[in-house]
Protein backbone atom coordinates (compact mmCIF):
# COMPACT_ATOMS: atom_id res chain seq x y z
CA MET A 1 7.20 -17.92 -2.75
CA THR A 2 6.82 -14.50 -0.98
CA PRO A 3 3.45 -13.92 0.49
CA PRO A 4 1.30 -11.29 -1.19
CA HIS A 5 1.16 -9.06 1.90
CA ASP A 6 5.05 -9.04 2.21
CA ILE A 7 5.27 -7.78 -1.36
CA LEU A 8 2.78 -4.94 -0.34
CA PHE A 9 4.75 -4.01 2.56
CA ARG A 10 7.80 -4.00 0.77
CA THR A 11 6.53 -1.67 -2.02
CA LEU A 12 4.75 0.87 0.37
CA ALA A 13 7.66 0.94 2.68
CA ASP A 14 9.33 3.68 0.84
CA PRO A 15 7.81 6.97 1.58
CA THR A 16 7.95 8.50 -1.60
CA ARG A 17 6.23 5.39 -3.35
CA ARG A 18 3.77 5.50 -0.77
CA ALA A 19 3.05 9.19 -1.42
CA ILE A 20 2.53 8.51 -5.05
CA PHE A 21 0.24 5.53 -4.62
CA GLU A 22 -1.55 7.87 -1.84
CA ARG A 23 -1.94 10.61 -4.42
CA LEU A 24 -3.46 8.21 -7.04
CA CYS A 25 -5.95 6.92 -4.48
CA ARG A 26 -7.14 10.59 -3.46
CA GLU A 27 -6.97 12.16 -6.91
CA GLY A 28 -7.47 9.34 -9.50
CA GLU A 29 -6.05 8.77 -12.76
CA THR A 30 -2.98 11.06 -13.66
CA THR A 31 0.03 11.38 -15.73
CA VAL A 32 4.03 10.71 -14.73
CA GLY A 33 4.37 14.39 -15.41
CA ALA A 34 1.68 15.52 -13.11
CA LEU A 35 3.03 13.04 -10.38
CA THR A 36 6.39 14.50 -10.99
CA GLU A 37 5.38 18.11 -10.22
CA GLN A 38 4.51 17.36 -6.76
CA ALA A 39 6.54 14.56 -6.03
CA GLY A 40 9.84 16.33 -5.24
CA VAL A 41 12.06 13.87 -7.24
CA SER A 42 12.88 13.76 -11.14
CA GLN A 43 10.56 11.96 -13.69
CA PRO A 44 12.74 8.78 -14.12
CA VAL A 45 12.45 8.38 -10.37
CA VAL A 46 8.84 8.80 -10.30
CA SER A 47 8.55 6.15 -13.28
CA LYS A 48 10.90 3.81 -11.31
CA HIS A 49 8.53 3.93 -8.56
CA LEU A 50 5.61 3.57 -10.72
CA SER A 51 7.01 0.38 -12.05
CA LEU A 52 7.63 -1.10 -8.75
CA LEU A 53 3.93 -0.11 -7.89
CA LYS A 54 2.70 -1.46 -11.00
CA ASP A 55 4.53 -4.86 -10.70
CA ALA A 56 2.90 -5.33 -7.29
CA GLY A 57 -0.39 -4.87 -8.72
CA LEU A 58 -1.09 -1.40 -6.99
CA VAL A 59 -1.23 0.80 -10.01
CA ARG A 60 -2.32 0.18 -13.50
CA GLY A 61 -1.30 2.23 -16.61
CA ARG A 62 -3.44 3.35 -19.35
CA ILE A 63 -1.61 4.41 -22.73
CA ASP A 64 -3.17 7.47 -24.53
CA GLY A 65 -0.98 8.62 -27.32
CA ARG A 66 2.46 9.47 -25.95
CA GLN A 67 1.36 9.64 -22.51
CA THR A 68 0.63 6.84 -19.79
CA HIS A 69 -2.24 7.51 -17.05
CA TYR A 70 -1.80 5.88 -14.00
CA SER A 71 -4.65 5.06 -11.47
CA ALA A 72 -4.67 3.07 -8.07
CA GLN A 73 -5.96 -0.33 -7.86
CA ILE A 74 -7.50 -0.34 -4.51
CA MET A 75 -8.55 -3.91 -4.45
CA ALA A 76 -4.85 -4.95 -4.82
CA LEU A 77 -4.47 -3.86 -0.84
CA SER A 78 -6.97 -6.85 0.05
CA PRO A 79 -4.15 -9.15 1.25
CA LEU A 80 -3.18 -6.29 3.34
CA MET A 81 -6.59 -5.97 4.88
CA ASP A 82 -6.86 -9.72 5.37
CA TRP A 83 -3.57 -9.94 7.15
CA THR A 84 -4.30 -6.87 9.62
CA SER A 85 -7.80 -8.71 10.40
CA GLN A 86 -5.94 -11.86 11.29
CA MET A 87 -3.39 -9.91 13.37
CA ALA A 88 -6.30 -8.13 14.89
CA GLY A 89 -8.06 -11.35 15.93
CA PHE A 90 -4.80 -12.70 17.29
CA TRP A 91 -3.99 -9.73 19.38
CA GLU A 92 -7.67 -9.46 20.81
CA ASN A 93 -7.50 -13.12 21.94
CA ARG A 94 -3.90 -12.31 23.64
CA PHE A 95 -5.58 -9.40 25.38
CA ASP A 96 -8.56 -11.28 26.54
CA HIS A 97 -6.28 -14.06 28.04
CA LEU A 98 -4.34 -11.21 29.62
CA GLU A 99 -7.53 -9.72 31.24
CA SER A 100 -8.68 -12.86 32.43
CA LEU A 101 -5.42 -13.53 34.12
CA LEU A 102 -5.27 -10.19 35.72
CA ASN A 103 -8.76 -10.86 36.97
CA ARG A 104 -7.50 -14.07 38.49
CA MET A 105 -4.83 -12.35 40.03
CA ASP A 106 -6.86 -9.76 41.70
CA GLN A 107 -9.23 -12.41 43.38
């Protein structure tokens, strides 16, 4: 089974997809058409990116008549926040050991 943070990293690795997600985070709910206007790619490409973001749990679609309104799901980033916290703790520990070693070498 693929760890959740790997899925999120893979999904957000594409710059266009990441830009779409960031725009939804900043501006809130919007339609595919509105996203396409500023994305610099065609509507089918935006729809494909939204589908992948939705599969990763990063966006949610709400149907209103003939349009789907998409919104970012910020809490879906929690596996990335957990992973970065773990990595920060790991590196802080490693740097503390390095500092200790350097201090012993200076004596």
